[in-house]
Amino acid sequence: MKNFLLILAFGFTTISFAQDANAPQADVLFAVIDRVPIYLGCTGTDNEVLKKCMSENISAFINQHFNMKKMEALNLPPKIYRTAVQFKIDKYGNVVDVQASADRPEIEAEAERVVSNLPKMIPGEHRGKRVGVLYSLPIIFKIEPPKRTRKN
């Protein structure tokens, strides 16, 4: 049997952009949002504290719910696997528009399944209005080679 290690890194894109003050509010990147969405259980008013809390909670959720048994069933060769997941928390706090990119469609499907099941959150705000917030989330896991047992 193979040994598995699931590593989750939470990241976000740091692209800046200009918006017309009269234009309807478009989706905003996590890196530039005035007030980030709030993962239930996170408290405080400081955006950086809320970002950190959210990142930790999303990481814990994905580590708990990512089905490594499905990965084991694929008989993947030992190495580090990376999946890039993009999603949005809409202006109602729902996780929507989940898309993943990976070497194997089965890995993409599992990443999309787990991220789609994140709980509803308190939506983010930008310029005083609720907006959708865009995220980029790398999920990284390592499949270890089988451990050798010594025979005496």
N, C-alpha and C. Protein backbone atom coordinates (compact mmCIF):
# COMPACT_ATOMS: atom_id res chain seq x y z
N MET A 1 0.84 -1.18 0.00
CA MET A 1 0.00 0.00 0.00
C MET A 1 0.88 1.24 0.00
N LYS A 2 0.45 2.24 -0.68
CA LYS A 2 1.22 3.48 -0.78
C LYS A 2 0.89 4.39 0.39
N ASN A 3 1.86 5.19 0.77
CA ASN A 3 1.63 6.20 1.79
C ASN A 3 1.31 7.52 1.11
N PHE A 4 0.39 8.28 1.70
CA PHE A 4 -0.04 9.53 1.11
C PHE A 4 0.18 10.68 2.07
N LEU A 5 0.47 11.80 1.52
CA LEU A 5 0.59 13.02 2.29
C LEU A 5 -0.13 14.10 1.51
N LEU A 6 -1.11 14.73 2.12
CA LEU A 6 -1.86 15.80 1.45
C LEU A 6 -1.36 17.13 1.97
N ILE A 7 -0.95 17.98 1.06
CA ILE A 7 -0.48 19.31 1.39
C ILE A 7 -1.39 20.29 0.70
N LEU A 8 -1.80 21.30 1.43
CA LEU A 8 -2.66 22.31 0.83
C LEU A 8 -2.02 23.66 1.01
N ALA A 9 -1.89 24.36 -0.07
CA ALA A 9 -1.37 25.73 -0.02
C ALA A 9 -2.46 26.65 -0.50
N PHE A 10 -2.76 27.65 0.28
CA PHE A 10 -3.81 28.60 -0.11
C PHE A 10 -3.14 29.80 -0.74
N GLY A 11 -3.57 30.15 -1.89
CA GLY A 11 -2.96 31.28 -2.58
C GLY A 11 -4.00 32.13 -3.25
N PHE A 12 -3.54 33.23 -3.76
CA PHE A 12 -4.44 34.10 -4.48
C PHE A 12 -3.62 34.88 -5.50
N THR A 13 -4.30 35.33 -6.52
CA THR A 13 -3.67 36.10 -7.57
C THR A 13 -3.56 37.55 -7.13
N THR A 14 -2.47 38.21 -7.50
CA THR A 14 -2.28 39.59 -7.07
C THR A 14 -2.30 40.53 -8.28
N ILE A 15 -3.29 40.38 -9.10
CA ILE A 15 -3.44 41.24 -10.26
C ILE A 15 -4.21 42.48 -9.82
N SER A 16 -3.74 43.63 -10.21
CA SER A 16 -4.50 44.84 -9.89
C SER A 16 -5.22 45.32 -11.15
N PHE A 17 -6.31 46.03 -10.95
CA PHE A 17 -7.08 46.51 -12.08
C PHE A 17 -7.82 47.77 -11.68
N ALA A 18 -8.25 48.51 -12.66
CA ALA A 18 -9.00 49.74 -12.40
C ALA A 18 -10.46 49.49 -12.72
N GLN A 19 -11.34 50.14 -11.94
CA GLN A 19 -12.76 50.04 -12.20
C GLN A 19 -13.33 51.44 -12.34
N ASP A 20 -14.26 51.58 -13.24
CA ASP A 20 -15.00 52.83 -13.38
C ASP A 20 -15.92 52.96 -12.16
N ALA A 21 -15.88 54.09 -11.49
CA ALA A 21 -16.67 54.29 -10.27
C ALA A 21 -18.16 54.15 -10.53
N ASN A 22 -18.61 54.40 -11.77
CA ASN A 22 -20.03 54.31 -12.09
C ASN A 22 -20.44 52.94 -12.61
N ALA A 23 -19.48 52.08 -12.88
CA ALA A 23 -19.77 50.76 -13.43
C ALA A 23 -20.34 49.86 -12.32
N PRO A 24 -21.16 48.87 -12.71
CA PRO A 24 -21.65 47.93 -11.70
C PRO A 24 -20.47 47.18 -11.10
N GLN A 25 -20.60 46.76 -9.84
CA GLN A 25 -19.52 46.07 -9.16
C GLN A 25 -19.26 44.72 -9.82
N ALA A 26 -18.05 44.53 -10.28
CA ALA A 26 -17.63 43.26 -10.86
C ALA A 26 -17.02 42.42 -9.75
N ASP A 27 -16.69 41.19 -10.07
CA ASP A 27 -16.00 40.34 -9.10
C ASP A 27 -14.64 40.94 -8.79
N VAL A 28 -14.19 40.75 -7.56
CA VAL A 28 -12.95 41.34 -7.08
C VAL A 28 -12.02 40.23 -6.61
N LEU A 29 -10.74 40.42 -6.83
CA LEU A 29 -9.74 39.45 -6.39
C LEU A 29 -9.56 39.50 -4.88
N PHE A 30 -9.31 38.35 -4.29
CA PHE A 30 -9.07 38.23 -2.85
C PHE A 30 -7.96 39.17 -2.39
N ALA A 31 -6.96 39.38 -3.21
CA ALA A 31 -5.80 40.20 -2.84
C ALA A 31 -6.15 41.67 -2.68
N VAL A 32 -7.20 42.14 -3.33
CA VAL A 32 -7.49 43.58 -3.33
C VAL A 32 -8.85 43.94 -2.72
N ILE A 33 -9.58 42.96 -2.22
CA ILE A 33 -10.92 43.22 -1.68
C ILE A 33 -10.84 44.10 -0.43
N ASP A 34 -11.81 45.01 -0.29
CA ASP A 34 -11.86 45.87 0.89
C ASP A 34 -12.14 45.06 2.16
N ARG A 35 -13.11 44.14 2.10
CA ARG A 35 -13.41 43.26 3.23
C ARG A 35 -13.63 41.87 2.67
N VAL A 36 -12.76 40.95 3.07
CA VAL A 36 -12.82 39.59 2.55
C VAL A 36 -14.09 38.88 3.00
N PRO A 37 -14.50 37.84 2.26
CA PRO A 37 -15.59 37.01 2.77
C PRO A 37 -15.15 36.41 4.11
N ILE A 38 -16.10 36.12 4.95
CA ILE A 38 -15.78 35.59 6.27
C ILE A 38 -16.24 34.15 6.38
N TYR A 39 -15.28 33.27 6.62
CA TYR A 39 -15.56 31.86 6.87
C TYR A 39 -16.21 31.79 8.25
N LEU A 40 -17.29 31.04 8.37
CA LEU A 40 -18.00 30.97 9.64
C LEU A 40 -17.06 30.53 10.75
N GLY A 41 -17.09 31.25 11.83
CA GLY A 41 -16.21 30.99 12.95
C GLY A 41 -15.05 31.96 13.03
N CYS A 42 -14.74 32.64 11.93
CA CYS A 42 -13.68 33.64 11.93
C CYS A 42 -14.24 34.95 12.51
N THR A 43 -13.46 35.60 13.35
CA THR A 43 -13.91 36.84 13.96
C THR A 43 -12.84 37.91 13.83
N GLY A 44 -13.25 39.13 14.05
CA GLY A 44 -12.34 40.25 13.99
C GLY A 44 -12.75 41.24 12.93
N THR A 45 -12.05 42.35 12.88
CA THR A 45 -12.35 43.37 11.90
C THR A 45 -11.18 43.62 10.96
N ASP A 46 -10.00 43.13 11.32
CA ASP A 46 -8.81 43.33 10.51
C ASP A 46 -8.83 42.37 9.31
N ASN A 47 -8.73 42.92 8.10
CA ASN A 47 -8.78 42.11 6.89
C ASN A 47 -7.69 41.05 6.86
N GLU A 48 -6.50 41.38 7.31
CA GLU A 48 -5.40 40.41 7.28
C GLU A 48 -5.67 39.24 8.23
N VAL A 49 -6.24 39.53 9.39
CA VAL A 49 -6.60 38.47 10.34
C VAL A 49 -7.68 37.59 9.74
N LEU A 50 -8.67 38.21 9.11
CA LEU A 50 -9.76 37.44 8.49
C LEU A 50 -9.25 36.61 7.32
N LYS A 51 -8.31 37.15 6.53
CA LYS A 51 -7.71 36.38 5.42
C LYS A 51 -7.00 35.15 5.95
N LYS A 52 -6.22 35.35 7.02
CA LYS A 52 -5.47 34.24 7.60
C LYS A 52 -6.43 33.18 8.15
N CYS A 53 -7.45 33.61 8.87
CA CYS A 53 -8.44 32.68 9.43
C CYS A 53 -9.13 31.90 8.31
N MET A 54 -9.51 32.62 7.27
CA MET A 54 -10.18 31.97 6.14
C MET A 54 -9.26 30.94 5.48
N SER A 55 -8.03 31.31 5.25
CA SER A 55 -7.06 30.41 4.62
C SER A 55 -6.88 29.15 5.46
N GLU A 56 -6.74 29.33 6.77
CA GLU A 56 -6.55 28.17 7.65
C GLU A 56 -7.78 27.27 7.65
N ASN A 57 -8.97 27.85 7.67
CA ASN A 57 -10.19 27.05 7.68
C ASN A 57 -10.42 26.34 6.35
N ILE A 58 -10.15 27.00 5.25
CA ILE A 58 -10.30 26.35 3.94
C ILE A 58 -9.28 25.21 3.82
N SER A 59 -8.06 25.45 4.27
CA SER A 59 -7.03 24.40 4.25
C SER A 59 -7.47 23.19 5.07
N ALA A 60 -7.96 23.45 6.27
CA ALA A 60 -8.40 22.36 7.14
C ALA A 60 -9.57 21.60 6.50
N PHE A 61 -10.52 22.32 5.90
CA PHE A 61 -11.66 21.68 5.26
C PHE A 61 -11.20 20.76 4.12
N ILE A 62 -10.32 21.27 3.28
CA ILE A 62 -9.87 20.47 2.14
C ILE A 62 -9.02 19.29 2.60
N ASN A 63 -8.15 19.51 3.58
CA ASN A 63 -7.36 18.39 4.10
C ASN A 63 -8.27 17.30 4.68
N GLN A 64 -9.35 17.68 5.31
CA GLN A 64 -10.26 16.73 5.91
C GLN A 64 -11.12 16.00 4.87
N HIS A 65 -11.52 16.70 3.81
CA HIS A 65 -12.49 16.14 2.88
C HIS A 65 -11.93 15.64 1.55
N PHE A 66 -10.68 15.96 1.24
CA PHE A 66 -10.09 15.47 -0.01
C PHE A 66 -9.92 13.96 0.12
N ASN A 67 -10.49 13.21 -0.80
CA ASN A 67 -10.53 11.75 -0.70
C ASN A 67 -9.26 11.12 -1.25
N MET A 68 -8.30 10.89 -0.36
CA MET A 68 -7.05 10.28 -0.79
C MET A 68 -7.23 8.81 -1.19
N LYS A 69 -8.30 8.17 -0.74
CA LYS A 69 -8.55 6.78 -1.16
C LYS A 69 -8.85 6.73 -2.66
N LYS A 70 -9.50 7.78 -3.17
CA LYS A 70 -9.72 7.85 -4.62
C LYS A 70 -8.38 7.95 -5.35
N MET A 71 -7.46 8.72 -4.79
CA MET A 71 -6.15 8.88 -5.41
C MET A 71 -5.39 7.55 -5.35
N GLU A 72 -5.51 6.84 -4.23
CA GLU A 72 -4.87 5.53 -4.08
C GLU A 72 -5.39 4.55 -5.13
N ALA A 73 -6.69 4.60 -5.39
CA ALA A 73 -7.30 3.70 -6.36
C ALA A 73 -6.81 3.95 -7.78
N LEU A 74 -6.25 5.13 -8.03
CA LEU A 74 -5.72 5.45 -9.37
C LEU A 74 -4.36 4.81 -9.62
N ASN A 75 -3.73 4.28 -8.58
CA ASN A 75 -2.38 3.71 -8.69
C ASN A 75 -1.40 4.68 -9.34
N LEU A 76 -1.41 5.89 -8.85
CA LEU A 76 -0.53 6.92 -9.37
C LEU A 76 0.91 6.65 -8.97
N PRO A 77 1.85 6.95 -9.84
CA PRO A 77 3.26 6.76 -9.45
C PRO A 77 3.65 7.78 -8.37
N PRO A 78 4.60 7.42 -7.52
CA PRO A 78 5.05 8.33 -6.47
C PRO A 78 5.61 9.62 -7.04
N LYS A 79 5.05 10.74 -6.62
CA LYS A 79 5.53 12.07 -6.96
C LYS A 79 4.62 13.10 -6.31
N ILE A 80 4.92 14.35 -6.54
CA ILE A 80 4.07 15.44 -6.05
C ILE A 80 3.10 15.82 -7.16
N TYR A 81 1.82 15.89 -6.81
CA TYR A 81 0.78 16.26 -7.76
C TYR A 81 0.23 17.62 -7.38
N ARG A 82 0.02 18.45 -8.39
CA ARG A 82 -0.49 19.81 -8.18
C ARG A 82 -1.80 19.98 -8.94
N THR A 83 -2.74 20.61 -8.28
CA THR A 83 -4.02 20.93 -8.89
C THR A 83 -4.29 22.41 -8.65
N ALA A 84 -4.55 23.15 -9.70
CA ALA A 84 -4.90 24.56 -9.57
C ALA A 84 -6.42 24.67 -9.61
N VAL A 85 -6.99 25.26 -8.56
CA VAL A 85 -8.44 25.41 -8.47
C VAL A 85 -8.78 26.90 -8.42
N GLN A 86 -9.69 27.31 -9.28
CA GLN A 86 -10.20 28.67 -9.26
C GLN A 86 -11.67 28.59 -8.90
N PHE A 87 -12.13 29.53 -8.07
CA PHE A 87 -13.52 29.57 -7.70
C PHE A 87 -13.89 30.98 -7.27
N LYS A 88 -15.18 31.16 -7.05
CA LYS A 88 -15.68 32.46 -6.62
C LYS A 88 -16.61 32.25 -5.44
N ILE A 89 -16.52 33.17 -4.49
CA ILE A 89 -17.54 33.26 -3.45
C ILE A 89 -18.42 34.42 -3.89
N ASP A 90 -19.67 34.09 -4.26
CA ASP A 90 -20.54 35.11 -4.84
C ASP A 90 -21.04 36.11 -3.80
N LYS A 91 -21.80 37.08 -4.24
CA LYS A 91 -22.25 38.14 -3.34
C LYS A 91 -23.27 37.67 -2.31
N TYR A 92 -23.62 36.38 -2.37
CA TYR A 92 -24.50 35.78 -1.37
C TYR A 92 -23.74 34.85 -0.42
N GLY A 93 -22.43 34.68 -0.67
CA GLY A 93 -21.59 33.83 0.18
C GLY A 93 -21.47 32.39 -0.28
N ASN A 94 -22.02 32.07 -1.45
CA ASN A 94 -21.95 30.71 -1.98
C ASN A 94 -20.68 30.50 -2.79
N VAL A 95 -20.11 29.30 -2.71
CA VAL A 95 -18.96 28.94 -3.54
C VAL A 95 -19.52 28.49 -4.89
N VAL A 96 -19.10 29.18 -5.97
CA VAL A 96 -19.60 28.90 -7.32
C VAL A 96 -18.45 28.93 -8.32
N ASP A 97 -18.75 28.53 -9.54
CA ASP A 97 -17.81 28.59 -10.66
C ASP A 97 -16.48 27.91 -10.35
N VAL A 98 -16.54 26.71 -9.77
CA VAL A 98 -15.33 25.98 -9.40
C VAL A 98 -14.77 25.29 -10.64
N GLN A 99 -13.48 25.53 -10.89
CA GLN A 99 -12.78 24.89 -12.00
C GLN A 99 -11.41 24.47 -11.53
N ALA A 100 -11.00 23.26 -11.92
CA ALA A 100 -9.69 22.75 -11.53
C ALA A 100 -8.91 22.34 -12.76
N SER A 101 -7.60 22.38 -12.62
CA SER A 101 -6.71 21.94 -13.68
C SER A 101 -5.65 21.04 -13.06
N ALA A 102 -5.55 19.82 -13.59
CA ALA A 102 -4.58 18.85 -13.07
C ALA A 102 -4.14 17.91 -14.19
N ASP A 103 -3.17 17.08 -13.87
CA ASP A 103 -2.66 16.11 -14.85
C ASP A 103 -3.69 15.05 -15.23
N ARG A 104 -4.58 14.73 -14.30
CA ARG A 104 -5.56 13.68 -14.52
C ARG A 104 -6.96 14.20 -14.26
N PRO A 105 -7.94 13.84 -15.07
CA PRO A 105 -9.32 14.31 -14.86
C PRO A 105 -9.89 13.86 -13.52
N GLU A 106 -9.45 12.71 -13.01
CA GLU A 106 -9.95 12.23 -11.73
C GLU A 106 -9.50 13.15 -10.58
N ILE A 107 -8.28 13.68 -10.70
CA ILE A 107 -7.78 14.61 -9.69
C ILE A 107 -8.55 15.93 -9.78
N GLU A 108 -8.78 16.41 -10.99
CA GLU A 108 -9.58 17.63 -11.19
C GLU A 108 -10.97 17.47 -10.58
N ALA A 109 -11.61 16.33 -10.85
CA ALA A 109 -12.97 16.10 -10.35
C ALA A 109 -13.00 16.10 -8.82
N GLU A 110 -12.02 15.48 -8.19
CA GLU A 110 -11.99 15.44 -6.73
C GLU A 110 -11.75 16.83 -6.15
N ALA A 111 -10.85 17.59 -6.75
CA ALA A 111 -10.59 18.95 -6.28
C ALA A 111 -11.85 19.81 -6.42
N GLU A 112 -12.54 19.71 -7.54
CA GLU A 112 -13.77 20.47 -7.76
C GLU A 112 -14.86 20.05 -6.77
N ARG A 113 -14.96 18.75 -6.50
CA ARG A 113 -15.96 18.25 -5.55
C ARG A 113 -15.74 18.84 -4.16
N VAL A 114 -14.51 18.77 -3.69
CA VAL A 114 -14.21 19.24 -2.34
C VAL A 114 -14.43 20.74 -2.22
N VAL A 115 -13.91 21.52 -3.16
CA VAL A 115 -14.05 22.98 -3.07
C VAL A 115 -15.52 23.38 -3.21
N SER A 116 -16.27 22.69 -4.04
CA SER A 116 -17.70 22.99 -4.20
C SER A 116 -18.49 22.77 -2.92
N ASN A 117 -17.97 21.96 -2.03
CA ASN A 117 -18.66 21.65 -0.77
C ASN A 117 -18.23 22.55 0.39
N LEU A 118 -17.41 23.56 0.12
CA LEU A 118 -17.08 24.51 1.18
C LEU A 118 -18.37 25.13 1.70
N PRO A 119 -18.43 25.42 3.00
CA PRO A 119 -19.68 25.99 3.55
C PRO A 119 -19.92 27.42 3.06
N LYS A 120 -21.18 27.81 3.14
CA LYS A 120 -21.57 29.18 2.80
C LYS A 120 -20.85 30.14 3.74
N MET A 121 -20.46 31.30 3.21
CA MET A 121 -19.71 32.28 3.99
C MET A 121 -20.44 33.61 3.99
N ILE A 122 -19.97 34.51 4.82
CA ILE A 122 -20.46 35.88 4.78
C ILE A 122 -19.76 36.55 3.60
N PRO A 123 -20.49 37.11 2.64
CA PRO A 123 -19.87 37.62 1.41
C PRO A 123 -18.90 38.78 1.66
N GLY A 124 -17.98 38.94 0.71
CA GLY A 124 -17.03 40.04 0.78
C GLY A 124 -17.68 41.34 0.34
N GLU A 125 -17.03 42.44 0.71
CA GLU A 125 -17.52 43.76 0.31
C GLU A 125 -16.39 44.56 -0.31
N HIS A 126 -16.76 45.33 -1.32
CA HIS A 126 -15.80 46.22 -1.97
C HIS A 126 -16.53 47.52 -2.28
N ARG A 127 -15.94 48.62 -1.85
CA ARG A 127 -16.55 49.94 -2.03
C ARG A 127 -17.97 50.00 -1.46
N GLY A 128 -18.14 49.33 -0.32
CA GLY A 128 -19.41 49.38 0.38
C GLY A 128 -20.50 48.47 -0.14
N LYS A 129 -20.21 47.63 -1.13
CA LYS A 129 -21.23 46.75 -1.69
C LYS A 129 -20.74 45.31 -1.68
N ARG A 130 -21.69 44.39 -1.52
CA ARG A 130 -21.35 42.97 -1.60
C ARG A 130 -20.94 42.63 -3.03
N VAL A 131 -19.87 41.85 -3.15
CA VAL A 131 -19.37 41.47 -4.47
C VAL A 131 -18.91 40.01 -4.44
N GLY A 132 -18.78 39.45 -5.63
CA GLY A 132 -18.16 38.14 -5.76
C GLY A 132 -16.65 38.30 -5.58
N VAL A 133 -16.03 37.33 -4.96
CA VAL A 133 -14.59 37.37 -4.72
C VAL A 133 -13.95 36.17 -5.39
N LEU A 134 -12.95 36.44 -6.22
CA LEU A 134 -12.26 35.40 -6.98
C LEU A 134 -11.07 34.85 -6.21
N TYR A 135 -10.91 33.53 -6.25
CA TYR A 135 -9.82 32.84 -5.56
C TYR A 135 -9.08 31.93 -6.51
N SER A 136 -7.83 31.74 -6.21
CA SER A 136 -7.02 30.72 -6.86
C SER A 136 -6.41 29.89 -5.74
N LEU A 137 -6.60 28.59 -5.79
CA LEU A 137 -6.20 27.71 -4.70
C LEU A 137 -5.40 26.54 -5.25
N PRO A 138 -4.12 26.45 -4.95
CA PRO A 138 -3.39 25.24 -5.35
C PRO A 138 -3.60 24.14 -4.30
N ILE A 139 -3.91 22.96 -4.76
CA ILE A 139 -3.95 21.78 -3.88
C ILE A 139 -2.79 20.90 -4.32
N ILE A 140 -1.95 20.59 -3.37
CA ILE A 140 -0.74 19.81 -3.66
C ILE A 140 -0.74 18.59 -2.77
N PHE A 141 -0.56 17.43 -3.37
CA PHE A 141 -0.42 16.23 -2.55
C PHE A 141 0.71 15.38 -3.08
N LYS A 142 1.28 14.61 -2.18
CA LYS A 142 2.43 13.79 -2.52
C LYS A 142 2.09 12.33 -2.29
N ILE A 143 2.39 11.54 -3.27
CA ILE A 143 2.24 10.10 -3.12
C ILE A 143 3.64 9.54 -2.88
N GLU A 144 3.78 8.92 -1.74
CA GLU A 144 5.06 8.34 -1.33
C GLU A 144 5.21 6.96 -1.93
N PRO A 145 6.44 6.55 -2.20
CA PRO A 145 6.65 5.17 -2.63
C PRO A 145 6.30 4.22 -1.47
N PRO A 146 5.96 2.99 -1.79
CA PRO A 146 5.63 2.04 -0.72
C PRO A 146 6.83 1.87 0.21
N LYS A 147 6.53 1.72 1.49
CA LYS A 147 7.60 1.49 2.45
C LYS A 147 8.07 0.06 2.32
N ARG A 148 9.36 -0.10 2.34
CA ARG A 148 9.93 -1.45 2.26
C ARG A 148 10.00 -2.04 3.66
N THR A 149 9.64 -3.27 3.73
CA THR A 149 9.75 -3.96 5.01
C THR A 149 10.97 -4.86 4.98
N ARG A 150 11.67 -4.90 6.07
CA ARG A 150 12.85 -5.74 6.15
C ARG A 150 12.46 -7.14 6.59
N LYS A 151 13.07 -8.10 5.95
CA LYS A 151 12.87 -9.49 6.35
C LYS A 151 14.10 -9.91 7.13
N ASN A 152 13.85 -10.52 8.26
CA ASN A 152 14.99 -10.98 9.07
C ASN A 152 15.28 -12.43 8.82
